């Protein structure tokens, strides 16, 4: 049941991205081009999503200690600005700015059959597998 709900949630997210036009790399790059021909449509999509999400979050999610399927809702740890967070954020931003695609739209665009999207997703999966293999080793090596 959890996998089905996860799949449906992902499909709904992808459909929302496609309907809003946020899978178009040119639109994303237009938003990031604040010194040129700036396209504010991404800001309106994000703002609209927040307007829909926030009342439901504060009324239905935040007061709960368990999710609808019974799993505990974990409290987020205190914010820590460390090198991993800043480096990962910078790497994500650089990649997003270069390609105009981030993981959500990339997965939505897989159905388009464009070879470059397949290459992007393959590189994304390779990066996830690489960090999954190397991060525990790096953490273990840096412990006293």
Protein backbone atom coordinates (compact mmCIF):
# COMPACT_ATOMS: atom_id res chain seq x y z
CA UNK A 1 0.00 0.00 0.00
CA UNK A 2 2.86 2.38 0.84
CA UNK A 3 4.46 1.80 -2.56
CA UNK A 4 1.17 2.44 -4.34
CA UNK A 5 0.63 5.70 -2.46
CA UNK A 6 4.23 6.72 -3.20
CA UNK A 7 3.73 5.94 -6.89
CA UNK A 8 0.47 7.89 -7.05
CA UNK A 9 2.06 10.84 -5.24
CA UNK A 10 4.97 10.85 -7.68
CA UNK A 11 2.64 10.63 -10.67
CA UNK A 12 0.55 13.51 -9.33
CA UNK A 13 3.71 15.58 -8.78
CA UNK A 14 4.94 14.81 -12.31
CA UNK A 15 1.54 15.66 -13.78
CA UNK A 16 1.58 18.97 -11.93
CA UNK A 17 5.05 19.74 -13.27
CA UNK A 18 3.97 18.91 -16.81
CA UNK A 19 0.71 20.90 -16.65
CA UNK A 20 2.47 23.95 -15.24
CA UNK A 21 5.16 23.81 -17.94
CA UNK A 22 7.92 23.41 -15.37
CA UNK A 23 9.48 20.49 -17.26
CA UNK A 24 10.64 22.91 -19.96
CA UNK A 25 14.36 23.67 -19.38
CA UNK A 26 14.02 26.97 -21.29
CA UNK A 27 11.43 28.17 -18.79
CA UNK A 28 13.66 27.26 -15.84
CA UNK A 29 16.70 28.92 -17.39
CA UNK A 30 14.53 31.97 -18.08
CA UNK A 31 13.67 32.13 -14.38
CA UNK A 32 17.32 31.85 -13.39
CA UNK A 33 18.33 34.60 -15.87
CA UNK A 34 17.58 37.53 -13.54
CA UNK A 35 19.92 39.86 -15.45
CA UNK A 36 18.41 39.10 -18.87
CA UNK A 37 14.96 38.08 -20.11
CA UNK A 38 13.65 36.99 -16.72
CA UNK A 39 10.61 34.67 -16.74
CA UNK A 40 8.76 34.85 -13.38
CA UNK A 41 6.41 31.93 -14.13
CA UNK A 42 8.36 29.51 -11.88
CA UNK A 43 7.92 31.90 -8.95
CA UNK A 44 4.16 31.97 -9.58
CA UNK A 45 4.00 28.17 -9.74
CA UNK A 46 5.97 27.87 -6.47
CA UNK A 47 3.84 30.55 -4.81
CA UNK A 48 0.63 28.86 -5.94
CA UNK A 49 1.88 25.51 -4.66
CA UNK A 50 2.66 27.06 -1.27
CA UNK A 51 -0.78 28.68 -1.07
CA UNK A 52 -2.39 25.27 -1.63
CA UNK A 53 0.04 23.33 0.59
CA UNK A 54 0.39 25.54 3.67
CA UNK A 55 -3.20 25.45 5.03
CA UNK A 56 -3.28 21.66 4.70
CA UNK A 57 0.13 21.36 6.33
CA UNK A 58 -0.70 23.50 9.34
CA UNK A 59 -4.18 22.03 9.81
CA UNK A 60 -3.63 18.37 8.94
CA UNK A 61 0.07 17.44 9.00
CA UNK A 62 1.82 19.48 11.67
CA UNK A 63 -0.52 18.54 14.56
CA UNK A 64 -0.12 14.80 13.85
CA UNK A 65 2.51 12.51 15.33
CA UNK A 66 1.83 9.71 12.82
CA UNK A 67 1.14 9.67 9.10
CA UNK A 68 -2.01 8.27 7.51
CA UNK A 69 -0.36 4.87 7.06
CA UNK A 70 0.82 4.72 10.69
CA UNK A 71 4.47 5.71 10.29
CA UNK A 72 5.84 8.17 12.83
CA UNK A 73 6.41 11.70 11.54
CA UNK A 74 9.95 12.52 12.59
CA UNK A 75 10.83 15.98 13.80
CA UNK A 76 13.48 17.67 11.71
CA UNK A 77 16.84 18.11 13.44
CA UNK A 78 18.13 21.58 14.17
CA UNK A 79 19.44 23.34 11.11
CA UNK A 80 23.16 22.88 10.70
CA UNK A 81 25.08 24.69 7.99
CA UNK A 82 28.00 22.41 7.30
CA UNK A 83 30.23 21.79 4.29
CA UNK A 84 28.09 18.86 3.07
CA UNK A 85 24.90 20.93 3.05
CA UNK A 86 26.51 23.94 1.41
CA UNK A 87 28.46 21.84 -1.10
CA UNK A 88 25.43 19.77 -2.05
CA UNK A 89 23.27 22.88 -2.42
CA UNK A 90 25.89 24.54 -4.60
CA UNK A 91 26.30 21.43 -6.74
CA UNK A 92 22.52 21.14 -7.19
CA UNK A 93 22.23 24.83 -8.09
CA UNK A 94 25.10 24.68 -10.58
CA UNK A 95 23.64 21.62 -12.28
CA UNK A 96 20.15 23.15 -12.33
CA UNK A 97 21.52 26.36 -13.81
CA UNK A 98 23.57 24.57 -16.47
CA UNK A 99 20.89 22.12 -17.62
CA UNK A 100 17.64 23.79 -16.57
CA UNK A 101 16.50 20.42 -15.24
CA UNK A 102 16.33 19.01 -11.74
CA UNK A 103 15.40 15.44 -10.71
CA UNK A 104 11.60 15.82 -10.64
CA UNK A 105 11.21 17.27 -14.14
CA UNK A 106 13.89 14.90 -15.46
CA UNK A 107 11.87 11.88 -14.37
CA UNK A 108 8.72 13.45 -15.84
CA UNK A 109 10.54 14.05 -19.14
CA UNK A 110 11.68 10.42 -19.43
CA UNK A 111 8.43 9.65 -21.24
CA UNK A 112 9.38 12.19 -23.93
CA UNK A 113 11.97 9.77 -25.32
CA UNK A 114 14.63 12.48 -25.68
CA UNK A 115 18.09 10.85 -25.52
CA UNK A 116 19.60 13.75 -23.54
CA UNK A 117 17.01 13.31 -20.78
CA UNK A 118 17.94 9.62 -20.57
CA UNK A 119 21.59 10.63 -20.30
CA UNK A 120 20.74 13.16 -17.57
CA UNK A 121 18.80 10.57 -15.54
CA UNK A 122 21.59 8.00 -16.01
CA UNK A 123 24.14 10.54 -14.73
CA UNK A 124 21.83 11.38 -11.83
CA UNK A 125 21.48 7.70 -10.88
CA UNK A 126 25.24 7.21 -11.20
CA UNK A 127 25.83 10.17 -8.87
CA UNK A 128 23.40 8.79 -6.29
CA UNK A 129 25.04 5.35 -6.44
CA UNK A 130 28.51 6.90 -6.21
CA UNK A 131 27.70 8.95 -3.12
CA UNK A 132 25.86 5.98 -1.60
CA UNK A 133 29.06 3.93 -1.92
CA UNK A 134 31.61 6.59 -0.98
CA UNK A 135 29.90 8.62 1.77
CA UNK A 136 29.99 5.87 4.44
CA UNK A 137 33.67 5.27 3.61
CA UNK A 138 34.47 8.99 3.87
CA UNK A 139 32.57 9.34 7.15
CA UNK A 140 34.34 6.31 8.61
CA UNK A 141 37.74 7.62 7.47
CA UNK A 142 37.19 11.05 9.08
CA UNK A 143 36.25 9.67 12.50
CA UNK A 144 38.97 9.88 15.19
